[in-house]
Amino acid sequence: MEKPIIKLLNIEEEKREGKMKIFIISDTHFNHKNIIKYCDRNFNSVEEMNEFIIDKWNSEVSHEDIVLHLGDFAKGNKEEIRRLRKRLQGTIILIKGNHDYKIDKYCGFFIIEGTLQIGHLLLSHYPLKKIPRGFKNIHGHIHNKKSYSGINVSVEEIDYTPIELIINKKQGGKNGKRKYNKNRSRAS
């Protein structure tokens, strides 16, 4: 499934021209009131949480960028989700999480079920139990818990801000291996 999406969005061509960036984020849980309590999010209301995450997102992501959202985007009906989606900059590729059962392509996403491989990175909602040698798993789902098998990009771990994925063949040396660079933005 990776190749058709990448070809459709012309990622390689756009990146070479410096017109776009790729970001990763997971577990925004827009409109999910109980997530504030469950994950000890420091917000007084779901509206405050939504606006904070939208502001952080749009401060990093431009309209030309791509965001790989690793699941659990929002609660609500399709129209509520579509309205939220329209407020966020960038093209969103959503790897569906366990709370995304109401989301479909008509909500404004490219949708993937399962795992997406980009180079040596395996992107998933859940942490993978088995990771092939030479690969890194970037995932969400566990919120404010430490990942023992990969890199957790749940919003609680990345300051509620999408982080840029930098894939540079030259960084890997002679054999062209790719490195993952996590650039955390910390706004006061």
C-alpha atoms as a PDB file:
ATOM      1  CA  MET A   1       0.000   0.000   0.000  1.00  0.00           C
ATOM      2  CA  GLU A   2       2.969   2.349   0.577  1.00  0.00           C
ATOM      3  CA  LYS A   3       4.013   2.801  -3.055  1.00  0.00           C
ATOM      4  CA  PRO A   4       0.669   3.955  -4.476  1.00  0.00           C
ATOM      5  CA  ILE A   5       0.279   6.579  -1.732  1.00  0.00           C
ATOM      6  CA  ILE A   6       3.827   7.852  -2.119  1.00  0.00           C
ATOM      7  CA  LYS A   7       3.498   7.941  -5.899  1.00  0.00           C
ATOM      8  CA  LEU A   8       0.131   9.692  -5.674  1.00  0.00           C
ATOM      9  CA  LEU A   9       1.494  12.392  -3.388  1.00  0.00           C
ATOM     10  CA  ASN A  10       4.827  12.758  -5.258  1.00  0.00           C
ATOM     11  CA  ILE A  11       6.703  12.709  -1.960  1.00  0.00           C
ATOM     12  CA  GLU A  12      10.182  12.176  -3.348  1.00  0.00           C
ATOM     13  CA  GLU A  13       9.854  14.912  -5.992  1.00  0.00           C
ATOM     14  CA  GLU A  14       8.345  17.432  -3.581  1.00  0.00           C
ATOM     15  CA  LYS A  15      10.953  16.735  -0.891  1.00  0.00           C
ATOM     16  CA  ARG A  16      13.814  17.206  -3.367  1.00  0.00           C
ATOM     17  CA  GLU A  17      12.440  20.617  -4.245  1.00  0.00           C
ATOM     18  CA  GLY A  18      12.172  21.543  -0.557  1.00  0.00           C
ATOM     19  CA  LYS A  19       8.458  22.234  -0.791  1.00  0.00           C
ATOM     20  CA  MET A  20       7.276  19.850   1.881  1.00  0.00           C
ATOM     21  CA  LYS A  21       8.100  18.108   5.117  1.00  0.00           C
ATOM     22  CA  ILE A  22       6.818  14.877   6.628  1.00  0.00           C
ATOM     23  CA  PHE A  23       5.584  14.858  10.221  1.00  0.00           C
ATOM     24  CA  ILE A  24       4.469  12.125  12.620  1.00  0.00           C
ATOM     25  CA  ILE A  25       1.989  12.255  15.498  1.00  0.00           C
ATOM     26  CA  SER A  26      -0.364   9.849  17.254  1.00  0.00           C
ATOM     27  CA  ASP A  27      -3.262   9.718  19.686  1.00  0.00           C
ATOM     28  CA  THR A  28      -4.601  13.259  19.428  1.00  0.00           C
ATOM     29  CA  HIS A  29      -8.015  12.000  20.614  1.00  0.00           C
ATOM     30  CA  PHE A  30      -9.802  15.213  19.593  1.00  0.00           C
ATOM     31  CA  ASN A  31     -13.251  15.488  21.253  1.00  0.00           C
ATOM     32  CA  HIS A  32     -12.413  12.732  23.758  1.00  0.00           C
ATOM     33  CA  LYS A  33     -13.270  14.216  27.143  1.00  0.00           C
ATOM     34  CA  ASN A  34     -12.205  11.208  29.222  1.00  0.00           C
ATOM     35  CA  ILE A  35      -8.697  11.081  27.704  1.00  0.00           C
ATOM     36  CA  ILE A  36      -7.885  14.209  29.746  1.00  0.00           C
ATOM     37  CA  LYS A  37      -8.366  12.207  32.950  1.00  0.00           C
ATOM     38  CA  TYR A  38      -7.063   8.835  31.670  1.00  0.00           C
ATOM     39  CA  CYS A  39      -3.753  10.263  30.461  1.00  0.00           C
ATOM     40  CA  ASP A  40      -3.410  13.103  32.946  1.00  0.00           C
ATOM     41  CA  ARG A  41      -3.565  15.759  30.218  1.00  0.00           C
ATOM     42  CA  ASN A  42      -3.346  19.213  31.751  1.00  0.00           C
ATOM     43  CA  PHE A  43      -6.532  20.706  30.268  1.00  0.00           C
ATOM     44  CA  ASN A  44      -9.734  21.966  31.877  1.00  0.00           C
ATOM     45  CA  SER A  45     -11.996  20.970  28.974  1.00  0.00           C
ATOM     46  CA  VAL A  46     -12.044  19.056  25.722  1.00  0.00           C
ATOM     47  CA  GLU A  47     -12.445  22.369  23.857  1.00  0.00           C
ATOM     48  CA  GLU A  48      -9.258  23.717  25.458  1.00  0.00           C
ATOM     49  CA  MET A  49      -7.407  20.502  24.559  1.00  0.00           C
ATOM     50  CA  ASN A  50      -8.653  20.556  20.955  1.00  0.00           C
ATOM     51  CA  GLU A  51      -7.642  24.189  20.432  1.00  0.00           C
ATOM     52  CA  PHE A  52      -4.216  23.653  22.019  1.00  0.00           C
ATOM     53  CA  ILE A  53      -3.414  20.665  19.788  1.00  0.00           C
ATOM     54  CA  ILE A  54      -4.741  22.422  16.665  1.00  0.00           C
ATOM     55  CA  ASP A  55      -2.557  25.485  17.419  1.00  0.00           C
ATOM     56  CA  LYS A  56       0.541  23.319  18.013  1.00  0.00           C
ATOM     57  CA  TRP A  57      -0.146  21.336  14.822  1.00  0.00           C
ATOM     58  CA  ASN A  58      -0.645  24.392  12.612  1.00  0.00           C
ATOM     59  CA  SER A  59       2.431  26.123  14.076  1.00  0.00           C
ATOM     60  CA  GLU A  60       4.615  23.307  12.664  1.00  0.00           C
ATOM     61  CA  VAL A  61       2.745  21.925   9.657  1.00  0.00           C
ATOM     62  CA  SER A  62       2.101  23.871   6.440  1.00  0.00           C
ATOM     63  CA  HIS A  63      -0.455  23.138   3.714  1.00  0.00           C
ATOM     64  CA  GLU A  64       2.270  21.514   1.560  1.00  0.00           C
ATOM     65  CA  ASP A  65       3.339  19.051   4.276  1.00  0.00           C
ATOM     66  CA  ILE A  66       2.312  15.468   4.962  1.00  0.00           C
ATOM     67  CA  VAL A  67       1.367  14.226   8.414  1.00  0.00           C
ATOM     68  CA  LEU A  68       1.511  10.528   9.217  1.00  0.00           C
ATOM     69  CA  HIS A  69      -1.047  10.184  11.997  1.00  0.00           C
ATOM     70  CA  LEU A  70      -0.567   6.849  13.752  1.00  0.00           C
ATOM     71  CA  GLY A  71      -4.114   6.458  14.967  1.00  0.00           C
ATOM     72  CA  ASP A  72      -6.773   7.545  17.436  1.00  0.00           C
ATOM     73  CA  PHE A  73      -7.443  10.853  15.720  1.00  0.00           C
ATOM     74  CA  ALA A  74     -10.828  11.838  17.214  1.00  0.00           C
ATOM     75  CA  LYS A  75     -14.140  10.853  18.697  1.00  0.00           C
ATOM     76  CA  GLY A  76     -17.394  12.056  17.210  1.00  0.00           C
ATOM     77  CA  ASN A  77     -19.542  11.572  14.159  1.00  0.00           C
ATOM     78  CA  LYS A  78     -18.191  11.867  10.625  1.00  0.00           C
ATOM     79  CA  GLU A  79     -19.218  15.526  10.271  1.00  0.00           C
ATOM     80  CA  GLU A  80     -17.497  16.514  13.535  1.00  0.00           C
ATOM     81  CA  ILE A  81     -14.358  14.671  12.453  1.00  0.00           C
ATOM     82  CA  ARG A  82     -14.473  16.269   8.990  1.00  0.00           C
ATOM     83  CA  ARG A  83     -14.756  19.766  10.563  1.00  0.00           C
ATOM     84  CA  LEU A  84     -11.747  19.081  12.785  1.00  0.00           C
ATOM     85  CA  ARG A  85      -9.758  17.724   9.851  1.00  0.00           C
ATOM     86  CA  LYS A  86     -10.433  20.871   7.805  1.00  0.00           C
ATOM     87  CA  ARG A  87      -8.863  23.008  10.552  1.00  0.00           C
ATOM     88  CA  LEU A  88      -5.547  21.144  10.363  1.00  0.00           C
ATOM     89  CA  GLN A  89      -2.891  21.983   7.798  1.00  0.00           C
ATOM     90  CA  GLY A  90      -1.228  19.354   5.641  1.00  0.00           C
ATOM     91  CA  THR A  91      -2.261  16.126   3.964  1.00  0.00           C
ATOM     92  CA  ILE A  92      -3.009  13.476   6.577  1.00  0.00           C
ATOM     93  CA  ILE A  93      -2.263   9.802   6.080  1.00  0.00           C
ATOM     94  CA  LEU A  94      -4.069   8.025   8.908  1.00  0.00           C
ATOM     95  CA  ILE A  95      -3.025   4.597  10.132  1.00  0.00           C
ATOM     96  CA  LYS A  96      -6.265   3.644  11.828  1.00  0.00           C
ATOM     97  CA  GLY A  97      -6.193   3.102  15.576  1.00  0.00           C
ATOM     98  CA  ASN A  98      -8.624   1.314  17.844  1.00  0.00           C
ATOM     99  CA  HIS A  99     -10.758   4.494  18.272  1.00  0.00           C
ATOM    100  CA  ASP A 100     -10.953   5.377  14.564  1.00  0.00           C
ATOM    101  CA  TYR A 101     -13.845   3.084  13.599  1.00  0.00           C
ATOM    102  CA  LYS A 102     -16.047   5.991  12.436  1.00  0.00           C
ATOM    103  CA  ILE A 103     -13.372   7.548  10.210  1.00  0.00           C
ATOM    104  CA  ASP A 104     -13.377   6.910   6.470  1.00  0.00           C
ATOM    105  CA  LYS A 105     -11.859   8.571   3.405  1.00  0.00           C
ATOM    106  CA  TYR A 106     -14.775  11.020   3.252  1.00  0.00           C
ATOM    107  CA  CYS A 107     -13.516  12.587   6.478  1.00  0.00           C
ATOM    108  CA  GLY A 108     -10.505  13.924   4.541  1.00  0.00           C
ATOM    109  CA  PHE A 109      -7.767  11.325   5.100  1.00  0.00           C
ATOM    110  CA  PHE A 110      -5.739   8.821   3.157  1.00  0.00           C
ATOM    111  CA  ILE A 111      -6.379   5.710   5.241  1.00  0.00           C
ATOM    112  CA  ILE A 112      -4.121   2.752   5.981  1.00  0.00           C
ATOM    113  CA  GLU A 113      -5.108  -0.260   8.038  1.00  0.00           C
ATOM    114  CA  GLY A 114      -2.152  -2.033   9.637  1.00  0.00           C
ATOM    115  CA  THR A 115       1.503  -1.090   9.237  1.00  0.00           C
ATOM    116  CA  LEU A 116       3.226   1.272   6.797  1.00  0.00           C
ATOM    117  CA  GLN A 117       6.878   0.704   5.895  1.00  0.00           C
ATOM    118  CA  ILE A 118       9.021   3.649   4.809  1.00  0.00           C
ATOM    119  CA  GLY A 119      12.639   2.598   4.385  1.00  0.00           C
ATOM    120  CA  HIS A 120      13.686   0.910   7.611  1.00  0.00           C
ATOM    121  CA  LEU A 121      10.795   2.424   9.579  1.00  0.00           C
ATOM    122  CA  LEU A 122       7.675   0.462  10.466  1.00  0.00           C
ATOM    123  CA  LEU A 123       4.836   2.848  11.335  1.00  0.00           C
ATOM    124  CA  SER A 124       1.909   1.408  13.283  1.00  0.00           C
ATOM    125  CA  HIS A 125      -0.711   2.330  15.830  1.00  0.00           C
ATOM    126  CA  TYR A 126       0.152  -0.430  18.281  1.00  0.00           C
ATOM    127  CA  PRO A 127       3.747  -1.193  19.307  1.00  0.00           C
ATOM    128  CA  LEU A 128       4.856  -4.179  17.232  1.00  0.00           C
ATOM    129  CA  LYS A 129       5.713  -7.324  19.158  1.00  0.00           C
ATOM    130  CA  LYS A 130       8.249  -8.521  16.593  1.00  0.00           C
ATOM    131  CA  ILE A 131      10.448  -6.044  14.753  1.00  0.00           C
ATOM    132  CA  PRO A 132      12.710  -7.402  12.018  1.00  0.00           C
ATOM    133  CA  ARG A 133      16.421  -6.806  12.471  1.00  0.00           C
ATOM    134  CA  GLY A 134      17.481  -3.441  11.079  1.00  0.00           C
ATOM    135  CA  PHE A 135      14.034  -1.881  11.428  1.00  0.00           C
ATOM    136  CA  LYS A 136      12.621   0.660  13.902  1.00  0.00           C
ATOM    137  CA  ASN A 137       8.986   0.714  14.960  1.00  0.00           C
ATOM    138  CA  ILE A 138       7.394   4.131  15.368  1.00  0.00           C
ATOM    139  CA  HIS A 139       4.003   3.848  17.048  1.00  0.00           C
ATOM    140  CA  GLY A 140       1.409   5.380  19.326  1.00  0.00           C
ATOM    141  CA  HIS A 141      -1.336   3.795  21.449  1.00  0.00           C
ATOM    142  CA  ILE A 142       0.521   3.683  24.789  1.00  0.00           C
ATOM    143  CA  HIS A 143       0.162   7.419  25.424  1.00  0.00           C
ATOM    144  CA  ASN A 144       2.372   8.579  28.306  1.00  0.00           C
ATOM    145  CA  LYS A 145       4.123   5.239  28.815  1.00  0.00           C
ATOM    146  CA  LYS A 146       7.669   4.402  27.788  1.00  0.00           C
ATOM    147  CA  SER A 147       8.034   2.207  24.703  1.00  0.00           C
ATOM    148  CA  TYR A 148      10.120  -0.899  25.211  1.00  0.00           C
ATOM    149  CA  SER A 149      10.111  -1.946  21.584  1.00  0.00           C
ATOM    150  CA  GLY A 150      10.135   1.237  19.516  1.00  0.00           C
ATOM    151  CA  ILE A 151       9.558   4.985  19.474  1.00  0.00           C
ATOM    152  CA  ASN A 152       6.327   6.271  21.010  1.00  0.00           C
ATOM    153  CA  VAL A 153       4.947   9.372  19.252  1.00  0.00           C
ATOM    154  CA  SER A 154       1.742   9.712  21.265  1.00  0.00           C
ATOM    155  CA  VAL A 155       1.025  13.419  21.833  1.00  0.00           C
ATOM    156  CA  GLU A 156       1.827  13.198  25.545  1.00  0.00           C
ATOM    157  CA  GLU A 157       5.402  12.173  24.619  1.00  0.00           C
ATOM    158  CA  ILE A 158       5.996  14.815  21.921  1.00  0.00           C
ATOM    159  CA  ASP A 159       4.602  17.931  23.576  1.00  0.00           C
ATOM    160  CA  TYR A 160       1.338  17.680  21.571  1.00  0.00           C
ATOM    161  CA  THR A 161       3.269  18.789  18.468  1.00  0.00           C
ATOM    162  CA  PRO A 162       3.856  16.825  15.250  1.00  0.00           C
ATOM    163  CA  ILE A 163       7.550  15.933  14.892  1.00  0.00           C
ATOM    164  CA  GLU A 164       9.388  16.038  11.602  1.00  0.00           C
ATOM    165  CA  LEU A 165      10.551  12.813  10.021  1.00  0.00           C
ATOM    166  CA  ILE A 166      13.844  13.374   8.241  1.00  0.00           C
ATOM    167  CA  ILE A 167      14.955  10.610   5.901  1.00  0.00           C
ATOM    168  CA  ASN A 168      18.314  11.353   4.355  1.00  0.00           C
ATOM    169  CA  LYS A 169      20.162   8.667   2.390  1.00  0.00           C
ATOM    170  CA  LYS A 170      23.445  10.578   2.708  1.00  0.00           C
ATOM    171  CA  GLN A 171      23.367  10.376   6.521  1.00  0.00           C
ATOM    172  CA  GLY A 172      23.691   6.611   6.397  1.00  0.00           C
ATOM    173  CA  GLY A 173      27.162   6.532   4.874  1.00  0.00           C
ATOM    174  CA  LYS A 174      28.325   4.454   1.920  1.00  0.00           C
ATOM    175  CA  ASN A 175      25.472   1.980   1.844  1.00  0.00           C
ATOM    176  CA  GLY A 176      22.763   4.663   1.863  1.00  0.00           C
ATOM    177  CA  LYS A 177      21.034   3.526   5.033  1.00  0.00           C
ATOM    178  CA  ARG A 178      18.454   5.967   6.320  1.00  0.00           C
ATOM    179  CA  LYS A 179      18.400   7.506   9.762  1.00  0.00           C
ATOM    180  CA  TYR A 180      15.456   8.635  11.830  1.00  0.00           C
ATOM    181  CA  ASN A 181      15.776  12.123  13.260  1.00  0.00           C
ATOM    182  CA  LYS A 182      13.241  13.181  15.853  1.00  0.00           C
ATOM    183  CA  ASN A 183      13.086  16.991  15.925  1.00  0.00           C
ATOM    184  CA  ARG A 184      10.950  17.938  18.934  1.00  0.00           C
ATOM    185  CA  SER A 185       9.470  21.377  18.992  1.00  0.00           C
ATOM    186  CA  ARG A 186       9.009  22.756  22.463  1.00  0.00           C
ATOM    187  CA  ALA A 187       6.913  25.882  22.573  1.00  0.00           C
ATOM    188  CA  SER A 188       6.549  27.729  25.879  1.00  0.00           C
END
